[in-house]
Amino acid sequence: MKKRFQPKFNIKKGDNVVVISGEDKDRSKPRKVLAVYPQKSRVLIEGVNMVTKHLKPNAQNPQGGIVQEEAAIHISNVMLWDAKTKAPVRIKRERNENGFVRISKKSGEVIK
């Protein structure tokens, strides 16, 4: 997909978010975003949506075995966490001299 038509999301890698729906729903516990996949509208979050993966033996893992790892969830199932209000918040984007900044609608603070 061309960069011109690429979707824009308010969630970035390294942000703290809360899961607002699904099996791992917990609106009071912030978690860290490990990766964002804008083409698929999905995010990878630390400790959420754990799946079991069976690995064949290879050079790095000669034994093989069963591994638990995170799987991506849809971006609509998470909300950004505001540390000041200690609550999930919606975001508005404003332009400044350096580009766009994300501002919390509850506290009015810039989210870094």
N, C-alpha and C. Protein backbone atom coordinates (compact mmCIF):
# COMPACT_ATOMS: atom_id res chain seq x y z
N MET A 1 0.85 -1.17 0.00
CA MET A 1 0.00 0.00 0.00
C MET A 1 0.89 1.24 0.00
N LYS A 2 0.48 2.25 -0.77
CA LYS A 2 1.27 3.47 -0.83
C LYS A 2 1.21 4.21 0.49
N LYS A 3 2.28 4.94 0.78
CA LYS A 3 2.36 5.70 2.03
C LYS A 3 1.24 6.74 2.10
N ARG A 4 0.80 7.22 0.97
CA ARG A 4 -0.25 8.23 0.92
C ARG A 4 -1.56 7.73 1.52
N PHE A 5 -1.86 6.46 1.34
CA PHE A 5 -3.12 5.88 1.82
C PHE A 5 -2.96 5.07 3.09
N GLN A 6 -1.79 5.15 3.72
CA GLN A 6 -1.54 4.35 4.92
C GLN A 6 -2.37 4.90 6.08
N PRO A 7 -3.02 4.03 6.86
CA PRO A 7 -3.82 4.51 7.99
C PRO A 7 -2.95 5.11 9.08
N LYS A 8 -3.53 6.06 9.82
CA LYS A 8 -2.82 6.72 10.92
C LYS A 8 -3.49 6.32 12.23
N PHE A 9 -2.69 5.90 13.19
CA PHE A 9 -3.20 5.51 14.49
C PHE A 9 -2.53 6.33 15.57
N ASN A 10 -3.20 6.47 16.71
CA ASN A 10 -2.66 7.25 17.82
C ASN A 10 -1.80 6.42 18.75
N ILE A 11 -1.62 5.16 18.46
CA ILE A 11 -0.83 4.27 19.31
C ILE A 11 0.49 3.96 18.62
N LYS A 12 1.59 4.09 19.38
CA LYS A 12 2.92 3.85 18.84
C LYS A 12 3.64 2.81 19.68
N LYS A 13 4.71 2.28 19.13
CA LYS A 13 5.54 1.31 19.85
C LYS A 13 6.10 1.98 21.10
N GLY A 14 6.02 1.27 22.23
CA GLY A 14 6.53 1.79 23.49
C GLY A 14 5.49 2.48 24.35
N ASP A 15 4.30 2.75 23.81
CA ASP A 15 3.23 3.38 24.59
C ASP A 15 2.68 2.43 25.63
N ASN A 16 2.05 3.00 26.65
CA ASN A 16 1.30 2.21 27.62
C ASN A 16 -0.17 2.26 27.23
N VAL A 17 -0.80 1.10 27.16
CA VAL A 17 -2.20 0.99 26.77
C VAL A 17 -2.92 0.06 27.73
N VAL A 18 -4.26 0.11 27.69
CA VAL A 18 -5.07 -0.85 28.42
C VAL A 18 -5.94 -1.59 27.42
N VAL A 19 -6.20 -2.86 27.70
CA VAL A 19 -7.06 -3.67 26.84
C VAL A 19 -8.49 -3.45 27.31
N ILE A 20 -9.37 -2.98 26.39
CA ILE A 20 -10.73 -2.63 26.78
C ILE A 20 -11.75 -3.68 26.39
N SER A 21 -11.35 -4.69 25.61
CA SER A 21 -12.28 -5.78 25.29
C SER A 21 -11.49 -7.03 24.95
N GLY A 22 -12.15 -8.16 25.06
CA GLY A 22 -11.51 -9.42 24.76
C GLY A 22 -11.18 -10.20 26.02
N GLU A 23 -10.48 -11.29 25.83
CA GLU A 23 -10.19 -12.21 26.93
C GLU A 23 -9.29 -11.58 28.00
N ASP A 24 -8.37 -10.71 27.59
CA ASP A 24 -7.42 -10.10 28.52
C ASP A 24 -7.85 -8.70 28.96
N LYS A 25 -9.15 -8.43 28.95
CA LYS A 25 -9.67 -7.11 29.30
C LYS A 25 -9.32 -6.74 30.73
N ASP A 26 -8.69 -5.59 30.89
CA ASP A 26 -8.38 -5.05 32.21
C ASP A 26 -8.11 -3.56 32.04
N ARG A 27 -9.08 -2.73 32.40
CA ARG A 27 -8.98 -1.29 32.18
C ARG A 27 -8.12 -0.59 33.23
N SER A 28 -7.65 -1.31 34.24
CA SER A 28 -6.88 -0.67 35.30
C SER A 28 -5.39 -0.99 35.24
N LYS A 29 -4.99 -1.89 34.34
CA LYS A 29 -3.59 -2.33 34.28
C LYS A 29 -2.97 -1.91 32.95
N PRO A 30 -2.08 -0.91 32.97
CA PRO A 30 -1.42 -0.52 31.71
C PRO A 30 -0.38 -1.54 31.29
N ARG A 31 -0.27 -1.74 29.99
CA ARG A 31 0.69 -2.68 29.42
C ARG A 31 1.45 -1.99 28.29
N LYS A 32 2.61 -2.51 27.96
CA LYS A 32 3.48 -1.88 26.97
C LYS A 32 3.22 -2.44 25.57
N VAL A 33 3.21 -1.55 24.57
CA VAL A 33 3.06 -1.95 23.17
C VAL A 33 4.42 -2.37 22.64
N LEU A 34 4.50 -3.59 22.12
CA LEU A 34 5.76 -4.11 21.57
C LEU A 34 5.91 -3.80 20.09
N ALA A 35 4.79 -3.79 19.35
CA ALA A 35 4.83 -3.51 17.91
C ALA A 35 3.46 -3.06 17.43
N VAL A 36 3.46 -2.28 16.36
CA VAL A 36 2.22 -1.82 15.73
C VAL A 36 2.29 -2.22 14.26
N TYR A 37 1.21 -2.83 13.78
CA TYR A 37 1.11 -3.24 12.38
C TYR A 37 -0.01 -2.45 11.70
N PRO A 38 0.29 -1.26 11.15
CA PRO A 38 -0.78 -0.40 10.64
C PRO A 38 -1.51 -0.97 9.42
N GLN A 39 -0.85 -1.77 8.60
CA GLN A 39 -1.51 -2.33 7.43
C GLN A 39 -2.61 -3.32 7.82
N LYS A 40 -2.41 -4.02 8.95
CA LYS A 40 -3.38 -5.01 9.41
C LYS A 40 -4.26 -4.47 10.53
N SER A 41 -4.01 -3.24 10.99
CA SER A 41 -4.74 -2.61 12.10
C SER A 41 -4.63 -3.43 13.38
N ARG A 42 -3.42 -3.89 13.67
CA ARG A 42 -3.21 -4.74 14.83
C ARG A 42 -2.02 -4.24 15.65
N VAL A 43 -2.02 -4.60 16.95
CA VAL A 43 -0.92 -4.25 17.84
C VAL A 43 -0.50 -5.48 18.63
N LEU A 44 0.77 -5.52 18.98
CA LEU A 44 1.33 -6.60 19.80
C LEU A 44 1.60 -6.01 21.17
N ILE A 45 0.97 -6.58 22.21
CA ILE A 45 1.05 -6.04 23.55
C ILE A 45 1.65 -7.07 24.49
N GLU A 46 2.51 -6.58 25.38
CA GLU A 46 3.23 -7.44 26.31
C GLU A 46 2.27 -8.19 27.24
N GLY A 47 2.32 -9.53 27.21
CA GLY A 47 1.53 -10.36 28.11
C GLY A 47 0.07 -10.52 27.74
N VAL A 48 -0.34 -10.10 26.55
CA VAL A 48 -1.74 -10.17 26.13
C VAL A 48 -1.87 -11.14 24.95
N ASN A 49 -2.96 -11.91 24.93
CA ASN A 49 -3.26 -12.85 23.85
C ASN A 49 -2.12 -13.86 23.67
N MET A 50 -1.78 -14.53 24.74
CA MET A 50 -0.71 -15.52 24.70
C MET A 50 -1.18 -16.77 23.94
N VAL A 51 -0.36 -17.22 23.01
CA VAL A 51 -0.67 -18.40 22.22
C VAL A 51 0.47 -19.41 22.37
N THR A 52 0.15 -20.67 22.15
CA THR A 52 1.13 -21.74 22.22
C THR A 52 1.67 -22.02 20.83
N LYS A 53 2.99 -22.04 20.71
CA LYS A 53 3.62 -22.29 19.42
C LYS A 53 4.54 -23.50 19.55
N HIS A 54 4.42 -24.44 18.63
CA HIS A 54 5.26 -25.63 18.63
C HIS A 54 6.44 -25.39 17.70
N LEU A 55 7.66 -25.53 18.24
CA LEU A 55 8.86 -25.27 17.46
C LEU A 55 9.58 -26.56 17.11
N LYS A 56 9.99 -26.65 15.84
CA LYS A 56 10.81 -27.77 15.42
C LYS A 56 12.24 -27.54 15.89
N PRO A 57 13.00 -28.58 16.11
CA PRO A 57 14.41 -28.39 16.48
C PRO A 57 15.17 -27.66 15.37
N ASN A 58 16.02 -26.69 15.78
CA ASN A 58 16.86 -25.98 14.83
C ASN A 58 18.19 -25.66 15.50
N ALA A 59 19.03 -24.87 14.85
CA ALA A 59 20.37 -24.60 15.37
C ALA A 59 20.32 -23.84 16.70
N GLN A 60 19.42 -22.85 16.80
CA GLN A 60 19.33 -22.07 18.04
C GLN A 60 18.66 -22.87 19.16
N ASN A 61 17.71 -23.72 18.79
CA ASN A 61 16.96 -24.49 19.78
C ASN A 61 17.01 -25.96 19.38
N PRO A 62 18.10 -26.68 19.72
CA PRO A 62 18.24 -28.07 19.26
C PRO A 62 17.20 -29.02 19.83
N GLN A 63 16.59 -28.66 20.96
CA GLN A 63 15.61 -29.52 21.58
C GLN A 63 14.23 -29.37 20.95
N GLY A 64 13.94 -28.16 20.42
CA GLY A 64 12.57 -27.89 19.95
C GLY A 64 11.69 -27.64 21.15
N GLY A 65 10.38 -27.82 20.99
CA GLY A 65 9.50 -27.72 22.14
C GLY A 65 8.31 -26.81 21.93
N ILE A 66 7.65 -26.50 23.04
CA ILE A 66 6.44 -25.69 23.03
C ILE A 66 6.75 -24.36 23.72
N VAL A 67 6.37 -23.25 23.04
CA VAL A 67 6.69 -21.92 23.54
C VAL A 67 5.42 -21.09 23.63
N GLN A 68 5.29 -20.30 24.71
CA GLN A 68 4.19 -19.34 24.84
C GLN A 68 4.68 -17.99 24.35
N GLU A 69 3.92 -17.35 23.44
CA GLU A 69 4.29 -16.02 22.98
C GLU A 69 3.05 -15.19 22.71
N GLU A 70 3.24 -13.86 22.61
CA GLU A 70 2.13 -12.94 22.37
C GLU A 70 1.70 -13.00 20.91
N ALA A 71 0.40 -12.82 20.69
CA ALA A 71 -0.13 -12.68 19.34
C ALA A 71 -0.78 -11.30 19.26
N ALA A 72 -0.89 -10.77 18.05
CA ALA A 72 -1.42 -9.42 17.86
C ALA A 72 -2.94 -9.40 18.08
N ILE A 73 -3.43 -8.27 18.58
CA ILE A 73 -4.87 -8.05 18.71
C ILE A 73 -5.24 -6.81 17.92
N HIS A 74 -6.53 -6.64 17.66
CA HIS A 74 -6.98 -5.51 16.86
C HIS A 74 -6.79 -4.21 17.63
N ILE A 75 -6.43 -3.16 16.92
CA ILE A 75 -6.09 -1.89 17.55
C ILE A 75 -7.31 -1.23 18.20
N SER A 76 -8.52 -1.61 17.77
CA SER A 76 -9.72 -1.03 18.36
C SER A 76 -10.00 -1.58 19.75
N ASN A 77 -9.30 -2.63 20.16
CA ASN A 77 -9.50 -3.24 21.48
C ASN A 77 -8.61 -2.66 22.56
N VAL A 78 -7.84 -1.61 22.23
CA VAL A 78 -6.96 -0.99 23.21
C VAL A 78 -7.20 0.52 23.25
N MET A 79 -6.90 1.11 24.42
CA MET A 79 -6.94 2.56 24.59
C MET A 79 -5.63 3.01 25.21
N LEU A 80 -5.21 4.20 24.85
CA LEU A 80 -3.99 4.76 25.39
C LEU A 80 -4.15 5.07 26.87
N TRP A 81 -3.11 4.87 27.66
CA TRP A 81 -3.12 5.08 29.10
C TRP A 81 -2.50 6.44 29.41
N ASP A 82 -3.19 7.24 30.20
CA ASP A 82 -2.67 8.54 30.63
C ASP A 82 -2.14 8.38 32.05
N ALA A 83 -0.84 8.60 32.23
CA ALA A 83 -0.22 8.40 33.55
C ALA A 83 -0.68 9.44 34.55
N LYS A 84 -1.01 10.63 34.10
CA LYS A 84 -1.41 11.68 35.04
C LYS A 84 -2.77 11.37 35.67
N THR A 85 -3.75 10.99 34.84
CA THR A 85 -5.09 10.70 35.36
C THR A 85 -5.22 9.25 35.80
N LYS A 86 -4.25 8.42 35.45
CA LYS A 86 -4.27 6.98 35.73
C LYS A 86 -5.55 6.34 35.21
N ALA A 87 -5.85 6.63 33.93
CA ALA A 87 -7.06 6.12 33.29
C ALA A 87 -6.84 6.03 31.79
N PRO A 88 -7.62 5.20 31.11
CA PRO A 88 -7.56 5.18 29.64
C PRO A 88 -8.17 6.47 29.09
N VAL A 89 -7.57 6.99 28.02
CA VAL A 89 -8.02 8.28 27.48
C VAL A 89 -8.14 8.23 25.96
N ARG A 90 -8.95 9.15 25.45
CA ARG A 90 -8.99 9.41 24.01
C ARG A 90 -7.97 10.50 23.70
N ILE A 91 -7.62 10.60 22.46
CA ILE A 91 -6.53 11.47 22.04
C ILE A 91 -7.01 12.46 20.99
N LYS A 92 -6.46 13.67 21.04
CA LYS A 92 -6.61 14.58 19.91
C LYS A 92 -5.21 14.93 19.43
N ARG A 93 -5.09 15.16 18.13
CA ARG A 93 -3.80 15.48 17.54
C ARG A 93 -3.78 16.95 17.18
N GLU A 94 -2.71 17.63 17.57
CA GLU A 94 -2.54 19.03 17.23
C GLU A 94 -1.19 19.21 16.58
N ARG A 95 -1.15 20.14 15.66
CA ARG A 95 0.09 20.43 14.94
C ARG A 95 0.86 21.52 15.68
N ASN A 96 2.17 21.30 15.83
CA ASN A 96 3.04 22.35 16.35
C ASN A 96 4.20 22.50 15.38
N GLU A 97 5.24 23.24 15.79
CA GLU A 97 6.35 23.51 14.86
C GLU A 97 7.13 22.26 14.50
N ASN A 98 7.10 21.22 15.33
CA ASN A 98 7.85 19.99 15.07
C ASN A 98 7.02 18.92 14.38
N GLY A 99 5.73 19.15 14.16
CA GLY A 99 4.85 18.14 13.57
C GLY A 99 3.61 17.99 14.42
N PHE A 100 3.11 16.77 14.55
CA PHE A 100 1.92 16.52 15.34
C PHE A 100 2.29 16.06 16.75
N VAL A 101 1.47 16.46 17.72
CA VAL A 101 1.61 15.96 19.09
C VAL A 101 0.28 15.35 19.50
N ARG A 102 0.34 14.36 20.40
CA ARG A 102 -0.86 13.72 20.91
C ARG A 102 -1.20 14.33 22.25
N ILE A 103 -2.46 14.75 22.41
CA ILE A 103 -2.89 15.40 23.64
C ILE A 103 -4.05 14.61 24.23
N SER A 104 -3.96 14.33 25.53
CA SER A 104 -5.01 13.61 26.24
C SER A 104 -6.23 14.50 26.37
N LYS A 105 -7.40 13.95 26.08
CA LYS A 105 -8.64 14.74 26.20
C LYS A 105 -9.06 14.91 27.64
N LYS A 106 -8.63 14.03 28.57
CA LYS A 106 -8.99 14.15 29.98
C LYS A 106 -8.13 15.19 30.69
N SER A 107 -6.82 15.06 30.56
CA SER A 107 -5.93 15.92 31.33
C SER A 107 -5.40 17.11 30.53
N GLY A 108 -5.44 17.03 29.21
CA GLY A 108 -4.89 18.11 28.38
C GLY A 108 -3.38 18.07 28.26
N GLU A 109 -2.75 17.02 28.80
CA GLU A 109 -1.31 16.89 28.76
C GLU A 109 -0.86 16.25 27.43
N VAL A 110 0.36 16.61 27.02
CA VAL A 110 0.96 16.00 25.83
C VAL A 110 1.44 14.60 26.20
N ILE A 111 1.10 13.62 25.38
CA ILE A 111 1.54 12.23 25.62
C ILE A 111 2.79 11.98 24.80
N LYS A 112 3.84 11.55 25.48
CA LYS A 112 5.12 11.35 24.80
C LYS A 112 5.28 9.92 24.36
